[in-house]
Amino acid sequence: MSRKAVLIQNICLGILIWLACLVDLGWSVWTDLRIAPAFLDLAVVAAVLFMKPRWTVFWGGFVGLLVSVIHKEALHTIVPLYATISMLAVLTKPMSHKRATLVATALRSLLILISLRFGKLWLDMFPSTDFISAITVEHLAQVAFSFLISVLLCSLFVALNRKTAWA
């Protein structure tokens, strides 16, 4: 992939992250739904799917920085969480010669969304050992709602990957 293509890919992901910030900030104003999808977490899923491994950790940390600013979370815990989850997602990436399937890609994105959402919840309750009781229906609904949107990202990734694979 040429430098120009990588630059265009990074610019597109930066625009996607900016739009995710706007939607994340304006969700409660625009809709009456209490449960909002985690749009910034979906941006991490997009970074994991579409970016090269060396850029994925950078974008994951950058999204963690934005999450800590927007949601008033602790900077010293959220940025490492997002960067670590991104790095683990890169390390669990399937081999490049294998064809991406929708089920495998969707399961991978679900694991990323679960890790980010429940990782934040666990960090909020860290000294307590009663983490499981803190999980509510709203947390599960947010992950499910985010996962339904991520399936669209996964299907786009699989469609684009099939057009260029084995060419």
N, C-alpha and C. Protein backbone atom coordinates (compact mmCIF):
# COMPACT_ATOMS: atom_id res chain seq x y z
N MET A 1 0.85 -1.16 0.00
CA MET A 1 0.00 0.00 0.00
C MET A 1 0.90 1.24 0.00
N SER A 2 0.61 2.17 -0.85
CA SER A 2 1.45 3.35 -0.97
C SER A 2 1.22 4.31 0.20
N ARG A 3 2.13 5.26 0.33
CA ARG A 3 2.01 6.25 1.40
C ARG A 3 0.77 7.12 1.23
N LYS A 4 0.44 7.39 0.00
CA LYS A 4 -0.74 8.21 -0.27
C LYS A 4 -2.01 7.49 0.17
N ALA A 5 -2.09 6.20 -0.07
CA ALA A 5 -3.25 5.42 0.34
C ALA A 5 -3.35 5.35 1.86
N VAL A 6 -2.21 5.19 2.55
CA VAL A 6 -2.21 5.16 4.01
C VAL A 6 -2.63 6.51 4.56
N LEU A 7 -2.17 7.59 3.93
CA LEU A 7 -2.56 8.93 4.36
C LEU A 7 -4.06 9.15 4.20
N ILE A 8 -4.60 8.72 3.08
CA ILE A 8 -6.05 8.86 2.85
C ILE A 8 -6.83 8.01 3.84
N GLN A 9 -6.33 6.82 4.13
CA GLN A 9 -6.98 5.94 5.10
C GLN A 9 -6.98 6.57 6.50
N ASN A 10 -5.85 7.17 6.89
CA ASN A 10 -5.77 7.83 8.19
C ASN A 10 -6.68 9.05 8.26
N ILE A 11 -6.76 9.81 7.20
CA ILE A 11 -7.65 10.98 7.17
C ILE A 11 -9.11 10.53 7.28
N CYS A 12 -9.47 9.48 6.56
CA CYS A 12 -10.85 8.97 6.63
C CYS A 12 -11.18 8.48 8.04
N LEU A 13 -10.24 7.79 8.69
CA LEU A 13 -10.49 7.32 10.05
C LEU A 13 -10.56 8.50 11.03
N GLY A 14 -9.73 9.51 10.82
CA GLY A 14 -9.80 10.70 11.66
C GLY A 14 -11.15 11.40 11.53
N ILE A 15 -11.67 11.48 10.32
CA ILE A 15 -13.00 12.06 10.10
C ILE A 15 -14.07 11.20 10.76
N LEU A 16 -13.95 9.88 10.64
CA LEU A 16 -14.89 8.96 11.29
C LEU A 16 -14.87 9.14 12.81
N ILE A 17 -13.71 9.30 13.39
CA ILE A 17 -13.60 9.49 14.84
C ILE A 17 -14.20 10.83 15.24
N TRP A 18 -13.98 11.86 14.44
CA TRP A 18 -14.57 13.17 14.73
C TRP A 18 -16.11 13.09 14.68
N LEU A 19 -16.63 12.40 13.68
CA LEU A 19 -18.08 12.23 13.59
C LEU A 19 -18.61 11.39 14.76
N ALA A 20 -17.84 10.39 15.19
CA ALA A 20 -18.25 9.59 16.35
C ALA A 20 -18.31 10.46 17.61
N CYS A 21 -17.37 11.40 17.74
CA CYS A 21 -17.40 12.33 18.88
C CYS A 21 -18.65 13.19 18.83
N LEU A 22 -18.97 13.71 17.65
CA LEU A 22 -20.15 14.56 17.53
C LEU A 22 -21.43 13.80 17.84
N VAL A 23 -21.53 12.59 17.31
CA VAL A 23 -22.73 11.79 17.56
C VAL A 23 -22.80 11.37 19.03
N ASP A 24 -21.65 11.05 19.61
CA ASP A 24 -21.62 10.68 21.02
C ASP A 24 -22.06 11.84 21.91
N LEU A 25 -21.64 13.04 21.56
CA LEU A 25 -22.04 14.22 22.34
C LEU A 25 -23.50 14.59 22.12
N GLY A 26 -23.99 14.41 20.90
CA GLY A 26 -25.33 14.87 20.59
C GLY A 26 -26.43 13.83 20.66
N TRP A 27 -26.10 12.60 21.03
CA TRP A 27 -27.10 11.52 21.03
C TRP A 27 -28.29 11.85 21.91
N SER A 28 -28.03 12.31 23.12
CA SER A 28 -29.14 12.57 24.06
C SER A 28 -29.97 13.77 23.61
N VAL A 29 -29.38 14.68 22.85
CA VAL A 29 -30.12 15.84 22.36
C VAL A 29 -30.97 15.46 21.16
N TRP A 30 -30.44 14.59 20.30
CA TRP A 30 -31.11 14.26 19.05
C TRP A 30 -32.20 13.20 19.22
N THR A 31 -32.03 12.31 20.19
CA THR A 31 -32.99 11.22 20.35
C THR A 31 -33.51 11.18 21.78
N ASP A 32 -34.58 10.47 21.96
CA ASP A 32 -35.14 10.28 23.30
C ASP A 32 -34.73 8.93 23.90
N LEU A 33 -33.92 8.18 23.18
CA LEU A 33 -33.49 6.87 23.68
C LEU A 33 -32.48 7.03 24.81
N ARG A 34 -32.68 6.27 25.86
CA ARG A 34 -31.76 6.31 26.99
C ARG A 34 -30.45 5.59 26.70
N ILE A 35 -30.53 4.55 25.92
CA ILE A 35 -29.36 3.72 25.66
C ILE A 35 -28.73 4.16 24.34
N ALA A 36 -27.51 4.62 24.44
CA ALA A 36 -26.78 5.08 23.27
C ALA A 36 -25.72 4.06 22.89
N PRO A 37 -25.54 3.83 21.60
CA PRO A 37 -24.42 2.98 21.21
C PRO A 37 -23.11 3.68 21.54
N ALA A 38 -22.10 2.92 21.78
CA ALA A 38 -20.78 3.47 22.09
C ALA A 38 -20.07 3.79 20.77
N PHE A 39 -20.33 4.99 20.24
CA PHE A 39 -19.81 5.35 18.92
C PHE A 39 -18.30 5.43 18.90
N LEU A 40 -17.69 5.89 19.98
CA LEU A 40 -16.23 5.94 20.01
C LEU A 40 -15.63 4.53 20.10
N ASP A 41 -16.32 3.63 20.77
CA ASP A 41 -15.87 2.23 20.78
C ASP A 41 -15.99 1.62 19.38
N LEU A 42 -17.02 2.03 18.65
CA LEU A 42 -17.16 1.58 17.26
C LEU A 42 -16.04 2.13 16.38
N ALA A 43 -15.54 3.31 16.71
CA ALA A 43 -14.39 3.86 15.98
C ALA A 43 -13.15 3.01 16.21
N VAL A 44 -13.01 2.45 17.40
CA VAL A 44 -11.89 1.54 17.67
C VAL A 44 -12.05 0.27 16.84
N VAL A 45 -13.28 -0.23 16.74
CA VAL A 45 -13.53 -1.41 15.91
C VAL A 45 -13.16 -1.11 14.46
N ALA A 46 -13.54 0.07 13.97
CA ALA A 46 -13.18 0.45 12.59
C ALA A 46 -11.68 0.54 12.42
N ALA A 47 -10.98 1.08 13.42
CA ALA A 47 -9.52 1.16 13.34
C ALA A 47 -8.89 -0.22 13.32
N VAL A 48 -9.42 -1.13 14.12
CA VAL A 48 -8.88 -2.49 14.15
C VAL A 48 -9.12 -3.19 12.82
N LEU A 49 -10.28 -2.97 12.22
CA LEU A 49 -10.60 -3.66 10.98
C LEU A 49 -9.85 -3.10 9.78
N PHE A 50 -9.76 -1.79 9.68
CA PHE A 50 -9.30 -1.18 8.44
C PHE A 50 -7.87 -0.67 8.44
N MET A 51 -7.24 -0.54 9.60
CA MET A 51 -5.91 0.06 9.65
C MET A 51 -4.83 -1.00 9.78
N LYS A 52 -3.61 -0.59 9.42
CA LYS A 52 -2.45 -1.45 9.63
C LYS A 52 -2.19 -1.56 11.12
N PRO A 53 -1.55 -2.63 11.58
CA PRO A 53 -1.35 -2.82 13.02
C PRO A 53 -0.63 -1.68 13.72
N ARG A 54 0.36 -1.07 13.09
CA ARG A 54 1.10 -0.01 13.78
C ARG A 54 0.25 1.23 14.00
N TRP A 55 -0.77 1.45 13.16
CA TRP A 55 -1.65 2.60 13.34
C TRP A 55 -2.81 2.29 14.27
N THR A 56 -3.13 1.03 14.44
CA THR A 56 -4.29 0.66 15.25
C THR A 56 -4.11 1.07 16.70
N VAL A 57 -2.92 0.82 17.27
CA VAL A 57 -2.68 1.18 18.66
C VAL A 57 -2.70 2.69 18.84
N PHE A 58 -2.17 3.43 17.87
CA PHE A 58 -2.22 4.89 17.94
C PHE A 58 -3.65 5.39 17.96
N TRP A 59 -4.47 4.90 17.03
CA TRP A 59 -5.86 5.35 16.98
C TRP A 59 -6.64 4.89 18.20
N GLY A 60 -6.34 3.71 18.72
CA GLY A 60 -7.00 3.26 19.95
C GLY A 60 -6.69 4.17 21.13
N GLY A 61 -5.42 4.55 21.29
CA GLY A 61 -5.05 5.49 22.34
C GLY A 61 -5.66 6.86 22.14
N PHE A 62 -5.74 7.30 20.89
CA PHE A 62 -6.35 8.61 20.60
C PHE A 62 -7.84 8.60 20.93
N VAL A 63 -8.52 7.52 20.60
CA VAL A 63 -9.94 7.40 20.95
C VAL A 63 -10.09 7.35 22.47
N GLY A 64 -9.18 6.68 23.15
CA GLY A 64 -9.21 6.66 24.61
C GLY A 64 -9.06 8.06 25.19
N LEU A 65 -8.20 8.86 24.58
CA LEU A 65 -8.05 10.26 25.01
C LEU A 65 -9.35 11.03 24.83
N LEU A 66 -10.01 10.84 23.70
CA LEU A 66 -11.28 11.52 23.46
C LEU A 66 -12.37 11.04 24.41
N VAL A 67 -12.40 9.74 24.70
CA VAL A 67 -13.38 9.21 25.65
C VAL A 67 -13.17 9.81 27.03
N SER A 68 -11.92 9.93 27.44
CA SER A 68 -11.66 10.48 28.77
C SER A 68 -12.05 11.95 28.85
N VAL A 69 -11.92 12.68 27.76
CA VAL A 69 -12.31 14.10 27.76
C VAL A 69 -13.83 14.24 27.69
N ILE A 70 -14.46 13.52 26.79
CA ILE A 70 -15.91 13.67 26.57
C ILE A 70 -16.72 13.15 27.76
N HIS A 71 -16.34 11.99 28.28
CA HIS A 71 -17.13 11.37 29.35
C HIS A 71 -16.56 11.63 30.75
N LYS A 72 -15.56 12.49 30.83
CA LYS A 72 -14.94 12.88 32.10
C LYS A 72 -14.46 11.67 32.88
N GLU A 73 -13.72 10.82 32.18
CA GLU A 73 -13.13 9.63 32.80
C GLU A 73 -11.68 9.95 33.15
N ALA A 74 -11.07 9.12 33.97
CA ALA A 74 -9.67 9.31 34.37
C ALA A 74 -8.76 9.03 33.18
N LEU A 75 -7.95 10.01 32.84
CA LEU A 75 -7.07 9.91 31.67
C LEU A 75 -6.04 8.79 31.83
N HIS A 76 -5.52 8.63 33.03
CA HIS A 76 -4.46 7.65 33.24
C HIS A 76 -4.95 6.20 33.24
N THR A 77 -6.26 5.99 33.22
CA THR A 77 -6.76 4.62 33.13
C THR A 77 -7.42 4.32 31.79
N ILE A 78 -8.09 5.30 31.21
CA ILE A 78 -8.84 5.05 29.97
C ILE A 78 -7.92 4.93 28.76
N VAL A 79 -6.93 5.81 28.64
CA VAL A 79 -6.03 5.74 27.48
C VAL A 79 -5.27 4.41 27.44
N PRO A 80 -4.67 3.96 28.56
CA PRO A 80 -4.03 2.63 28.50
C PRO A 80 -5.01 1.49 28.22
N LEU A 81 -6.25 1.60 28.73
CA LEU A 81 -7.24 0.56 28.45
C LEU A 81 -7.51 0.47 26.95
N TYR A 82 -7.77 1.59 26.31
CA TYR A 82 -8.07 1.59 24.88
C TYR A 82 -6.85 1.15 24.06
N ALA A 83 -5.67 1.61 24.43
CA ALA A 83 -4.47 1.21 23.70
C ALA A 83 -4.19 -0.27 23.88
N THR A 84 -4.41 -0.79 25.08
CA THR A 84 -4.18 -2.22 25.34
C THR A 84 -5.17 -3.10 24.59
N ILE A 85 -6.45 -2.71 24.61
CA ILE A 85 -7.45 -3.48 23.87
C ILE A 85 -7.13 -3.46 22.37
N SER A 86 -6.69 -2.31 21.86
CA SER A 86 -6.31 -2.23 20.44
C SER A 86 -5.12 -3.12 20.14
N MET A 87 -4.14 -3.12 21.04
CA MET A 87 -2.97 -3.96 20.83
C MET A 87 -3.34 -5.44 20.87
N LEU A 88 -4.20 -5.83 21.81
CA LEU A 88 -4.65 -7.22 21.88
C LEU A 88 -5.45 -7.60 20.64
N ALA A 89 -6.23 -6.66 20.11
CA ALA A 89 -6.98 -6.94 18.88
C ALA A 89 -6.04 -7.13 17.70
N VAL A 90 -4.94 -6.38 17.68
CA VAL A 90 -3.95 -6.56 16.61
C VAL A 90 -3.27 -7.91 16.76
N LEU A 91 -2.96 -8.29 17.98
CA LEU A 91 -2.28 -9.57 18.20
C LEU A 91 -3.16 -10.77 17.88
N THR A 92 -4.48 -10.61 17.96
CA THR A 92 -5.38 -11.71 17.65
C THR A 92 -5.92 -11.64 16.23
N LYS A 93 -5.33 -10.80 15.41
CA LYS A 93 -5.76 -10.68 14.01
C LYS A 93 -5.47 -11.98 13.27
N PRO A 94 -6.43 -12.45 12.45
CA PRO A 94 -6.17 -13.67 11.70
C PRO A 94 -5.06 -13.47 10.67
N MET A 95 -4.51 -14.56 10.23
CA MET A 95 -3.42 -14.49 9.26
C MET A 95 -3.89 -13.81 7.98
N SER A 96 -2.96 -13.14 7.32
CA SER A 96 -3.32 -12.33 6.15
C SER A 96 -3.76 -13.19 4.96
N HIS A 97 -3.32 -14.42 4.89
CA HIS A 97 -3.71 -15.24 3.74
C HIS A 97 -5.08 -15.90 3.94
N LYS A 98 -5.63 -15.79 5.15
CA LYS A 98 -6.96 -16.35 5.37
C LYS A 98 -8.02 -15.35 4.93
N ARG A 99 -9.06 -15.87 4.37
CA ARG A 99 -10.16 -15.03 3.92
C ARG A 99 -11.03 -14.65 5.11
N ALA A 100 -11.35 -13.37 5.22
CA ALA A 100 -12.17 -12.88 6.34
C ALA A 100 -13.63 -13.30 6.13
N THR A 101 -14.22 -13.84 7.18
CA THR A 101 -15.63 -14.19 7.12
C THR A 101 -16.40 -13.21 8.01
N LEU A 102 -17.66 -13.07 7.73
CA LEU A 102 -18.48 -12.13 8.49
C LEU A 102 -18.62 -12.58 9.94
N VAL A 103 -18.77 -13.87 10.17
CA VAL A 103 -18.95 -14.37 11.53
C VAL A 103 -17.68 -14.13 12.36
N ALA A 104 -16.52 -14.45 11.81
CA ALA A 104 -15.27 -14.27 12.55
C ALA A 104 -15.01 -12.79 12.83
N THR A 105 -15.28 -11.95 11.84
CA THR A 105 -15.07 -10.51 12.02
C THR A 105 -16.06 -9.94 13.02
N ALA A 106 -17.30 -10.38 12.97
CA ALA A 106 -18.31 -9.90 13.92
C ALA A 106 -17.99 -10.36 15.34
N LEU A 107 -17.55 -11.59 15.51
CA LEU A 107 -17.17 -12.06 16.85
C LEU A 107 -15.99 -11.27 17.40
N ARG A 108 -15.05 -10.97 16.53
CA ARG A 108 -13.89 -10.17 16.95
C ARG A 108 -14.33 -8.78 17.38
N SER A 109 -15.23 -8.17 16.63
CA SER A 109 -15.70 -6.84 17.02
C SER A 109 -16.52 -6.90 18.31
N LEU A 110 -17.29 -7.97 18.49
CA LEU A 110 -18.05 -8.13 19.74
C LEU A 110 -17.11 -8.25 20.93
N LEU A 111 -16.03 -8.99 20.78
CA LEU A 111 -15.06 -9.10 21.87
C LEU A 111 -14.42 -7.76 22.19
N ILE A 112 -14.14 -6.97 21.16
CA ILE A 112 -13.57 -5.64 21.39
C ILE A 112 -14.56 -4.75 22.13
N LEU A 113 -15.82 -4.76 21.70
CA LEU A 113 -16.83 -3.93 22.35
C LEU A 113 -17.06 -4.35 23.80
N ILE A 114 -17.11 -5.66 24.05
CA ILE A 114 -17.29 -6.15 25.41
C ILE A 114 -16.10 -5.77 26.28
N SER A 115 -14.90 -5.93 25.75
CA SER A 115 -13.70 -5.60 26.51
C SER A 115 -13.65 -4.12 26.87
N LEU A 116 -14.00 -3.26 25.92
CA LEU A 116 -13.96 -1.83 26.19
C LEU A 116 -15.04 -1.42 27.20
N ARG A 117 -16.26 -1.89 27.00
CA ARG A 117 -17.37 -1.47 27.87
C ARG A 117 -17.20 -2.01 29.30
N PHE A 118 -16.94 -3.30 29.41
CA PHE A 118 -16.82 -3.88 30.73
C PHE A 118 -15.46 -3.58 31.36
N GLY A 119 -14.46 -3.28 30.54
CA GLY A 119 -13.18 -2.82 31.08
C GLY A 119 -13.33 -1.47 31.77
N LYS A 120 -14.10 -0.56 31.16
CA LYS A 120 -14.36 0.73 31.81
C LYS A 120 -15.15 0.53 33.09
N LEU A 121 -16.11 -0.34 33.07
CA LEU A 121 -16.92 -0.61 34.26
C LEU A 121 -16.07 -1.23 35.37
N TRP A 122 -15.21 -2.15 34.99
CA TRP A 122 -14.32 -2.78 35.98
C TRP A 122 -13.36 -1.76 36.58
N LEU A 123 -12.83 -0.84 35.74
CA LEU A 123 -11.93 0.18 36.27
C LEU A 123 -12.64 1.15 37.21
N ASP A 124 -13.92 1.40 36.95
CA ASP A 124 -14.69 2.26 37.85
C ASP A 124 -14.90 1.60 39.21
N MET A 125 -15.00 0.28 39.23
CA MET A 125 -15.28 -0.46 40.46
C MET A 125 -14.03 -1.19 40.98
N PHE A 126 -12.85 -0.78 40.58
CA PHE A 126 -11.64 -1.57 40.76
C PHE A 126 -11.41 -2.14 42.16
N PRO A 127 -11.44 -1.40 43.22
CA PRO A 127 -11.13 -2.07 44.49
C PRO A 127 -12.16 -3.13 44.89
N SER A 128 -13.36 -2.99 44.38
CA SER A 128 -14.42 -3.94 44.75
C SER A 128 -14.23 -5.25 44.00
N THR A 129 -14.62 -6.32 44.66
CA THR A 129 -14.56 -7.63 44.01
C THR A 129 -15.92 -8.05 43.48
N ASP A 130 -16.90 -7.18 43.64
CA ASP A 130 -18.27 -7.49 43.23
C ASP A 130 -18.56 -6.87 41.87
N PHE A 131 -17.74 -7.19 40.89
CA PHE A 131 -17.86 -6.60 39.55
C PHE A 131 -19.09 -7.10 38.80
N ILE A 132 -19.41 -8.36 38.92
CA ILE A 132 -20.51 -8.95 38.17
C ILE A 132 -21.85 -8.32 38.53
N SER A 133 -22.03 -7.97 39.79
CA SER A 133 -23.32 -7.37 40.18
C SER A 133 -23.48 -5.95 39.66
N ALA A 134 -22.40 -5.33 39.23
CA ALA A 134 -22.48 -3.97 38.70
C ALA A 134 -22.99 -3.95 37.25
N ILE A 135 -22.96 -5.08 36.57
CA ILE A 135 -23.42 -5.15 35.19
C ILE A 135 -24.94 -5.11 35.19
N THR A 136 -25.48 -4.11 34.51
CA THR A 136 -26.93 -3.95 34.45
C THR A 136 -27.43 -4.24 33.04
N VAL A 137 -28.73 -4.22 32.90
CA VAL A 137 -29.35 -4.43 31.60
C VAL A 137 -28.95 -3.31 30.64
N GLU A 138 -28.77 -2.10 31.15
CA GLU A 138 -28.37 -0.98 30.29
C GLU A 138 -26.99 -1.20 29.70
N HIS A 139 -26.08 -1.75 30.49
CA HIS A 139 -24.74 -2.05 29.97
C HIS A 139 -24.81 -3.09 28.86
N LEU A 140 -25.59 -4.13 29.10
CA LEU A 140 -25.74 -5.18 28.08
C LEU A 140 -26.43 -4.65 26.83
N ALA A 141 -27.43 -3.78 27.02
CA ALA A 141 -28.13 -3.20 25.88
C ALA A 141 -27.22 -2.28 25.08
N GLN A 142 -26.34 -1.56 25.76
CA GLN A 142 -25.41 -0.70 25.03
C GLN A 142 -24.45 -1.52 24.18
N VAL A 143 -23.96 -2.61 24.74
CA VAL A 143 -23.07 -3.49 23.96
C VAL A 143 -23.82 -4.11 22.79
N ALA A 144 -25.05 -4.54 23.02
CA ALA A 144 -25.84 -5.16 21.95
C ALA A 144 -26.16 -4.15 20.85
N PHE A 145 -26.52 -2.94 21.24
CA PHE A 145 -26.83 -1.90 20.26
C PHE A 145 -25.58 -1.53 19.45
N SER A 146 -24.45 -1.42 20.13
CA SER A 146 -23.18 -1.13 19.45
C SER A 146 -22.79 -2.28 18.53
N PHE A 147 -23.05 -3.51 18.97
CA PHE A 147 -22.71 -4.67 18.15
C PHE A 147 -23.54 -4.70 16.87
N LEU A 148 -24.81 -4.37 16.96
CA LEU A 148 -25.64 -4.34 15.76
C LEU A 148 -25.11 -3.35 14.74
N ILE A 149 -24.64 -2.22 15.20
CA ILE A 149 -24.05 -1.24 14.28
C ILE A 149 -22.70 -1.75 13.76
N SER A 150 -21.95 -2.44 14.62
CA SER A 150 -20.64 -2.93 14.18
C SER A 150 -20.76 -4.02 13.13
N VAL A 151 -21.89 -4.72 13.09
CA VAL A 151 -22.10 -5.73 12.05
C VAL A 151 -22.07 -5.07 10.67
N LEU A 152 -22.58 -3.86 10.57
CA LEU A 152 -22.49 -3.12 9.30
C LEU A 152 -21.03 -2.84 8.93
N LEU A 153 -20.24 -2.43 9.91
CA LEU A 153 -18.81 -2.22 9.66
C LEU A 153 -18.13 -3.52 9.24
N CYS A 154 -18.48 -4.60 9.90
CA CYS A 154 -17.88 -5.90 9.59
C CYS A 154 -18.26 -6.36 8.19
N SER A 155 -19.52 -6.16 7.81
CA SER A 155 -19.92 -6.58 6.46
C SER A 155 -19.25 -5.72 5.40
N LEU A 156 -19.05 -4.44 5.68
CA LEU A 156 -18.30 -3.59 4.74
C LEU A 156 -16.86 -4.06 4.63
N PHE A 157 -16.25 -4.39 5.77
CA PHE A 157 -14.87 -4.89 5.76
C PHE A 157 -14.75 -6.18 4.96
N VAL A 158 -15.67 -7.11 5.18
CA VAL A 158 -15.63 -8.39 4.47
C VAL A 158 -15.85 -8.18 2.98
N ALA A 159 -16.78 -7.29 2.62
CA ALA A 159 -17.03 -7.02 1.19
C ALA A 159 -15.81 -6.40 0.53
N LEU A 160 -15.18 -5.44 1.19
CA LEU A 160 -13.98 -4.82 0.62
C LEU A 160 -12.82 -5.79 0.58
N ASN A 161 -12.71 -6.64 1.58
CA ASN A 161 -11.62 -7.60 1.64
C ASN A 161 -11.78 -8.67 0.56
N ARG A 162 -13.00 -9.06 0.26
CA ARG A 162 -13.22 -10.09 -0.77
C ARG A 162 -12.93 -9.55 -2.17
N LYS A 163 -13.16 -8.25 -2.35
CA LYS A 163 -12.88 -7.69 -3.67
C LYS A 163 -11.40 -7.62 -3.95
N THR A 164 -10.59 -7.42 -2.88
CA THR A 164 -9.15 -7.30 -3.11
C THR A 164 -8.39 -8.58 -2.81
N ALA A 165 -9.00 -9.53 -2.14
CA ALA A 165 -8.28 -10.76 -1.80
C ALA A 165 -8.08 -11.64 -3.04
N TRP A 166 -6.97 -12.31 -3.07
CA TRP A 166 -6.62 -13.23 -4.13
C TRP A 166 -6.58 -12.59 -5.51
N ALA A 167 -6.33 -11.32 -5.54
CA ALA A 167 -6.26 -10.64 -6.84
C ALA A 167 -4.88 -10.66 -7.40
